[in-house]
Amino acid sequence: MKICFFGSSLVSSYWNGAATYYRGMLKEIAALGHDITFYEPDAFERQAHRDIADPSWARVSVYPATAEGWQYSLSQAARSADLLIKASGVGVFDRELECAIAQATNAIRIYWDVDAPATLDAIASDPRHHLRDAIPRYDMVLTYGGGDPVIAAYRAVGARDCVPLYNALDPATHFPTPPTPQLKCDLGLLANRLPDREARVESFFLDVARHLPAKSFVLGGSGWETKPMSANVRKLGHVGTNDHNAFFSSSLATLNVNRDSMAKHGFSPPTRVFEAIGAGACLITDYWKGIDLFLEPDREVLIASNGAAVAEHLQALDPARARAIAQRARVRILAHHTYAQRARQFNQLLEGMSAKIEAAE
């Protein structure tokens, strides 16, 4: 099947947390025989911060971040596509693309939400939100998380169907590597500075560092340059995906901190969870509903309800226990949560959707 996918960026993870998800999913979907073209705007300096070349398993079409740019790209895609996909959070002309693709008549249409909690909050707060009209026109909504609450919310705004295709692990991309001396620390965190995450990072990471001056902390991600921090926190700035394995493999433990909306909705393990575990990290995470569906608390992951709990975990953790937790988690994720498994699920959904459309014609 010819798939045309409009997303934020496939080739750059710069201010683009969905890159790992796109790469993992689309590589494995292509391996099942589908032909993929990924359309992304030249925006937010992402093309200047590419961290992969154009992949062999997808064509990448970069269009100008202008009205003419997206309109021309969509007209090209619509001529050949069997399936048109609009992902959330492209960052420019989202409304226009979402409405235009919803009205396409010669292809199957999927809205793929890579940040369902934020999208649903926006819809709920605006009775005239454009997705209230657009979503019922799509043949299906896919999300990278959310569980039953997100499914129910999307059906309430008219989705014909909504299916979560959760984040996962690409073991060919994320795997253990020898520790890198300059990245070694007791606790590492990889997270961009965002308004709906900063307070939680303050509580779960920066406050912990201030209260544990004898421990070492490393913070990777963009936007933290002007944030005051204690002397035992090293700020790295943007960490490209090529360096993620080294980052996760070099700390005693890695911290995951969800954004406010994701923590509230639950059932949305971010890409960082699978990246870190794939690289052999011992994971400490803030609590979110549904985590036990992916990892067993205390055996495969350490859960913290606040910064004090993070500090307690860190003080009680020794290298042997950290390795044991990390190894158990990696075995679990490799067995049940890889992108190859997610792609097969996507293929089954696509086959079922195609059969329904043919039956209705």
Foldseek 3Di string as FASTA:
>chain_A
DEEEEEAQDQFFCAVNQCNVVCVQQQQLLLVVPYAYEYEAEPDPCRVVHGDDDQDPSYHYHYFHLDPVGVVVVVVVCLVDEQEYEYEPDSPGCSLVVLQVQLPRDRHAYEYEYACLLVVLVVCVVDVVDSVLVRQLSHLEYEYQWQPPVSQVSSVVSRHPGYYYLHAAADLVQAAADAADVVLAWAEEEEDADDPQFPVQCCKAPQVLCVVCVVTAYEYEYADCPPPDGDPRYHYDYHDTSNCLLNNLNRHLAYEDTDGPSCQVSFGHDRNNVNRNLRSQHAYEYEDHPPPCVQANDPQQHDYDPTNVSSNVCSVPDDNVSGNRNSVVNNVRRVVPGGSSVSSVVVVVVVVVSVVVVVVVD
